[in-house]
């Protein structure tokens, strides 16, 4: 069973790699999951938050990373965005 963070990661990776529409991707991923409604809300919060705050998150990654963002593996960049989003914007995490 996939956790809520893994589900958010999967959805964000699909948007990153396939340049797919965010709302369609998230609906598809959530409909295939066995998550509770509370967890689905959490996934949606992370997913749309990372997309909305991407410039802010990427700027902060570039400030603290010794490697340029475009040289990071896409999986690592998505994980860093998710982590920073939770630290900066989700007060109950």
N, C-alpha and C. Protein backbone atom coordinates (compact mmCIF):
# COMPACT_ATOMS: atom_id res chain seq x y z
N UNK A 1 0.84 -1.19 0.00
CA UNK A 1 0.00 0.00 0.00
C UNK A 1 0.88 1.25 0.00
N UNK A 2 0.60 2.15 -0.89
CA UNK A 2 1.38 3.37 -1.05
C UNK A 2 0.94 4.41 -0.02
N UNK A 3 1.93 5.10 0.58
CA UNK A 3 1.61 6.15 1.55
C UNK A 3 1.14 7.41 0.82
N UNK A 4 0.63 8.35 1.58
CA UNK A 4 0.15 9.59 0.98
C UNK A 4 1.31 10.37 0.34
N UNK A 5 2.47 10.38 0.97
CA UNK A 5 3.61 11.08 0.38
C UNK A 5 4.10 10.39 -0.90
N UNK A 6 4.08 9.08 -0.91
CA UNK A 6 4.45 8.35 -2.13
C UNK A 6 3.46 8.63 -3.25
N UNK A 7 2.19 8.75 -2.90
CA UNK A 7 1.16 9.06 -3.90
C UNK A 7 1.38 10.45 -4.47
N UNK A 8 1.67 11.42 -3.61
CA UNK A 8 1.95 12.78 -4.07
C UNK A 8 3.19 12.80 -4.96
N UNK A 9 4.21 12.05 -4.55
CA UNK A 9 5.44 11.95 -5.35
C UNK A 9 5.14 11.38 -6.74
N UNK A 10 4.36 10.30 -6.78
CA UNK A 10 4.01 9.68 -8.06
C UNK A 10 3.29 10.66 -8.98
N UNK A 11 2.35 11.39 -8.43
CA UNK A 11 1.59 12.37 -9.23
C UNK A 11 2.51 13.49 -9.73
N UNK A 12 3.36 14.00 -8.87
CA UNK A 12 4.27 15.07 -9.27
C UNK A 12 5.27 14.58 -10.32
N UNK A 13 5.71 13.35 -10.21
CA UNK A 13 6.62 12.80 -11.20
C UNK A 13 5.93 12.67 -12.56
N UNK A 14 4.68 12.29 -12.57
CA UNK A 14 3.95 12.19 -13.84
C UNK A 14 3.83 13.55 -14.50
N UNK A 15 3.56 14.58 -13.71
CA UNK A 15 3.46 15.93 -14.26
C UNK A 15 4.83 16.36 -14.80
N UNK A 16 5.89 16.05 -14.04
CA UNK A 16 7.26 16.41 -14.44
C UNK A 16 7.67 15.74 -15.73
N UNK A 17 7.49 14.44 -15.79
CA UNK A 17 8.01 13.66 -16.92
C UNK A 17 7.11 13.73 -18.15
N UNK A 18 5.80 13.72 -17.94
CA UNK A 18 4.87 13.65 -19.07
C UNK A 18 4.29 15.00 -19.45
N UNK A 19 4.59 16.03 -18.67
CA UNK A 19 3.99 17.35 -18.86
C UNK A 19 2.47 17.24 -18.96
N UNK A 20 1.91 16.37 -18.14
CA UNK A 20 0.46 16.15 -18.16
C UNK A 20 -0.25 17.23 -17.34
N UNK A 21 -1.54 17.35 -17.57
CA UNK A 21 -2.34 18.32 -16.84
C UNK A 21 -2.42 17.91 -15.37
N UNK A 22 -2.19 18.86 -14.49
CA UNK A 22 -2.12 18.53 -13.07
C UNK A 22 -3.43 17.97 -12.52
N UNK A 23 -4.55 18.60 -12.85
CA UNK A 23 -5.82 18.14 -12.27
C UNK A 23 -6.19 16.75 -12.76
N UNK A 24 -5.94 16.45 -14.01
CA UNK A 24 -6.25 15.12 -14.56
C UNK A 24 -5.32 14.08 -13.94
N UNK A 25 -4.06 14.43 -13.80
CA UNK A 25 -3.09 13.51 -13.19
C UNK A 25 -3.47 13.20 -11.76
N UNK A 26 -3.77 14.22 -10.98
CA UNK A 26 -4.10 13.99 -9.58
C UNK A 26 -5.37 13.17 -9.46
N UNK A 27 -6.39 13.49 -10.22
CA UNK A 27 -7.64 12.70 -10.18
C UNK A 27 -7.37 11.24 -10.49
N UNK A 28 -6.55 10.99 -11.49
CA UNK A 28 -6.23 9.62 -11.89
C UNK A 28 -5.50 8.88 -10.77
N UNK A 29 -4.50 9.53 -10.19
CA UNK A 29 -3.70 8.90 -9.14
C UNK A 29 -4.57 8.64 -7.91
N UNK A 30 -5.38 9.60 -7.52
CA UNK A 30 -6.20 9.43 -6.33
C UNK A 30 -7.29 8.38 -6.52
N UNK A 31 -7.84 8.30 -7.71
CA UNK A 31 -8.90 7.32 -7.95
C UNK A 31 -8.38 5.88 -7.88
N UNK A 32 -7.09 5.70 -8.15
CA UNK A 32 -6.49 4.36 -8.11
C UNK A 32 -5.96 4.01 -6.72
N UNK A 33 -5.95 4.97 -5.80
CA UNK A 33 -5.38 4.74 -4.48
C UNK A 33 -6.44 4.22 -3.51
N UNK A 34 -5.97 3.62 -2.44
CA UNK A 34 -6.85 3.15 -1.37
C UNK A 34 -6.75 4.06 -0.15
N UNK A 35 -6.39 5.30 -0.36
CA UNK A 35 -6.18 6.23 0.75
C UNK A 35 -7.52 6.70 1.32
N UNK A 36 -7.48 7.06 2.59
CA UNK A 36 -8.66 7.65 3.22
C UNK A 36 -8.87 9.05 2.66
N UNK A 37 -10.03 9.61 2.89
CA UNK A 37 -10.30 10.96 2.40
C UNK A 37 -9.33 11.98 3.01
N UNK A 38 -9.00 11.78 4.27
CA UNK A 38 -8.04 12.68 4.93
C UNK A 38 -6.68 12.63 4.24
N UNK A 39 -6.23 11.42 3.90
CA UNK A 39 -4.94 11.27 3.21
C UNK A 39 -5.01 11.83 1.79
N UNK A 40 -6.14 11.66 1.12
CA UNK A 40 -6.31 12.23 -0.22
C UNK A 40 -6.24 13.75 -0.16
N UNK A 41 -6.81 14.34 0.88
CA UNK A 41 -6.72 15.79 1.05
C UNK A 41 -5.27 16.22 1.28
N UNK A 42 -4.53 15.43 2.05
CA UNK A 42 -3.12 15.71 2.30
C UNK A 42 -2.32 15.65 1.00
N UNK A 43 -2.57 14.61 0.19
CA UNK A 43 -1.90 14.46 -1.11
C UNK A 43 -2.20 15.68 -1.98
N UNK A 44 -3.46 16.06 -2.05
CA UNK A 44 -3.86 17.22 -2.86
C UNK A 44 -3.16 18.49 -2.38
N UNK A 45 -3.05 18.66 -1.07
CA UNK A 45 -2.38 19.83 -0.52
C UNK A 45 -0.93 19.90 -0.93
N UNK A 46 -0.22 18.79 -0.79
CA UNK A 46 1.19 18.76 -1.19
C UNK A 46 1.32 18.96 -2.70
N UNK A 47 0.52 18.22 -3.45
CA UNK A 47 0.60 18.25 -4.91
C UNK A 47 0.39 19.66 -5.46
N UNK A 48 -0.74 20.26 -5.13
CA UNK A 48 -1.02 21.60 -5.67
C UNK A 48 -0.12 22.66 -5.04
N UNK A 49 0.28 22.46 -3.79
CA UNK A 49 1.18 23.40 -3.14
C UNK A 49 2.55 23.44 -3.82
N UNK A 50 3.09 22.26 -4.13
CA UNK A 50 4.39 22.19 -4.80
C UNK A 50 4.31 22.84 -6.18
N UNK A 51 3.22 22.59 -6.88
CA UNK A 51 3.07 23.19 -8.20
C UNK A 51 2.95 24.71 -8.09
N UNK A 52 2.16 25.17 -7.14
CA UNK A 52 1.93 26.62 -6.99
C UNK A 52 3.19 27.35 -6.53
N UNK A 53 3.95 26.75 -5.64
CA UNK A 53 5.12 27.42 -5.04
C UNK A 53 6.44 26.97 -5.66
N UNK A 54 6.39 26.39 -6.83
CA UNK A 54 7.58 25.80 -7.44
C UNK A 54 8.74 26.79 -7.58
N UNK A 55 8.48 28.00 -8.03
CA UNK A 55 9.57 28.98 -8.18
C UNK A 55 10.24 29.26 -6.85
N UNK A 56 9.44 29.46 -5.81
CA UNK A 56 9.97 29.70 -4.46
C UNK A 56 10.80 28.50 -4.00
N UNK A 57 10.26 27.30 -4.18
CA UNK A 57 10.95 26.09 -3.74
C UNK A 57 12.25 25.89 -4.51
N UNK A 58 12.21 26.07 -5.83
CA UNK A 58 13.42 25.90 -6.65
C UNK A 58 14.48 26.93 -6.29
N UNK A 59 14.05 28.15 -6.00
CA UNK A 59 15.00 29.18 -5.59
C UNK A 59 15.73 28.74 -4.31
N UNK A 60 14.96 28.25 -3.33
CA UNK A 60 15.57 27.83 -2.07
C UNK A 60 16.46 26.61 -2.23
N UNK A 61 16.09 25.71 -3.09
CA UNK A 61 16.97 24.56 -3.37
C UNK A 61 18.27 25.05 -3.98
N UNK A 62 18.18 25.98 -4.92
CA UNK A 62 19.40 26.46 -5.58
C UNK A 62 20.30 27.25 -4.63
N UNK A 63 19.72 27.92 -3.66
CA UNK A 63 20.52 28.68 -2.69
C UNK A 63 21.36 27.73 -1.82
N UNK A 64 20.78 26.60 -1.42
CA UNK A 64 21.44 25.72 -0.46
C UNK A 64 22.13 24.51 -1.08
N UNK A 65 21.95 24.28 -2.36
CA UNK A 65 22.58 23.13 -3.01
C UNK A 65 23.88 23.54 -3.66
N UNK A 66 24.89 22.64 -3.58
CA UNK A 66 26.14 22.95 -4.28
C UNK A 66 26.03 22.65 -5.77
N UNK A 67 24.96 21.95 -6.16
CA UNK A 67 24.77 21.63 -7.58
C UNK A 67 23.60 22.43 -8.13
N UNK A 68 23.71 22.86 -9.37
CA UNK A 68 22.58 23.56 -9.99
C UNK A 68 21.36 22.64 -10.07
N UNK A 69 20.20 23.23 -9.96
CA UNK A 69 18.95 22.47 -9.96
C UNK A 69 18.80 21.58 -11.19
N UNK A 70 19.21 22.10 -12.34
CA UNK A 70 19.06 21.31 -13.57
C UNK A 70 20.01 20.12 -13.64
N UNK A 71 20.97 20.05 -12.73
CA UNK A 71 21.87 18.90 -12.67
C UNK A 71 21.41 17.84 -11.67
N UNK A 72 20.41 18.16 -10.87
CA UNK A 72 19.87 17.19 -9.93
C UNK A 72 18.98 16.20 -10.66
N UNK A 73 19.00 14.96 -10.23
CA UNK A 73 18.07 13.97 -10.76
C UNK A 73 16.66 14.48 -10.48
N UNK A 74 15.75 14.29 -11.43
CA UNK A 74 14.39 14.82 -11.31
C UNK A 74 13.69 14.26 -10.07
N UNK A 75 13.97 13.01 -9.71
CA UNK A 75 13.36 12.42 -8.51
C UNK A 75 13.80 13.17 -7.25
N UNK A 76 15.09 13.50 -7.19
CA UNK A 76 15.63 14.22 -6.04
C UNK A 76 15.02 15.62 -5.98
N UNK A 77 14.90 16.28 -7.11
CA UNK A 77 14.32 17.62 -7.14
C UNK A 77 12.87 17.60 -6.64
N UNK A 78 12.11 16.62 -7.06
CA UNK A 78 10.70 16.52 -6.63
C UNK A 78 10.63 16.24 -5.12
N UNK A 79 11.47 15.36 -4.64
CA UNK A 79 11.50 15.06 -3.20
C UNK A 79 11.88 16.30 -2.40
N UNK A 80 12.88 17.04 -2.86
CA UNK A 80 13.29 18.27 -2.16
C UNK A 80 12.16 19.30 -2.17
N UNK A 81 11.48 19.45 -3.29
CA UNK A 81 10.34 20.39 -3.36
C UNK A 81 9.26 20.00 -2.36
N UNK A 82 8.94 18.71 -2.32
CA UNK A 82 7.90 18.24 -1.41
C UNK A 82 8.30 18.50 0.05
N UNK A 83 9.54 18.19 0.38
CA UNK A 83 10.02 18.40 1.75
C UNK A 83 10.02 19.86 2.14
N UNK A 84 10.54 20.70 1.27
CA UNK A 84 10.56 22.13 1.57
C UNK A 84 9.15 22.71 1.65
N UNK A 85 8.27 22.26 0.78
CA UNK A 85 6.89 22.75 0.85
C UNK A 85 6.27 22.42 2.20
N UNK A 86 6.49 21.21 2.67
CA UNK A 86 5.92 20.82 3.96
C UNK A 86 6.53 21.63 5.11
N UNK A 87 7.83 21.88 5.03
CA UNK A 87 8.49 22.66 6.09
C UNK A 87 7.99 24.10 6.10
N UNK A 88 7.92 24.74 4.93
CA UNK A 88 7.57 26.15 4.86
C UNK A 88 6.07 26.43 4.98
N UNK A 89 5.23 25.55 4.46
CA UNK A 89 3.82 25.91 4.30
C UNK A 89 2.82 25.01 5.02
N UNK A 90 3.23 23.87 5.53
CA UNK A 90 2.28 22.97 6.20
C UNK A 90 2.60 22.93 7.68
N UNK A 91 1.82 23.63 8.47
CA UNK A 91 2.13 23.77 9.89
C UNK A 91 1.83 22.54 10.74
N UNK A 92 1.03 21.61 10.28
CA UNK A 92 0.69 20.45 11.10
C UNK A 92 1.49 19.21 10.74
N UNK A 93 2.50 19.38 9.90
CA UNK A 93 3.30 18.22 9.48
C UNK A 93 4.53 18.13 10.35
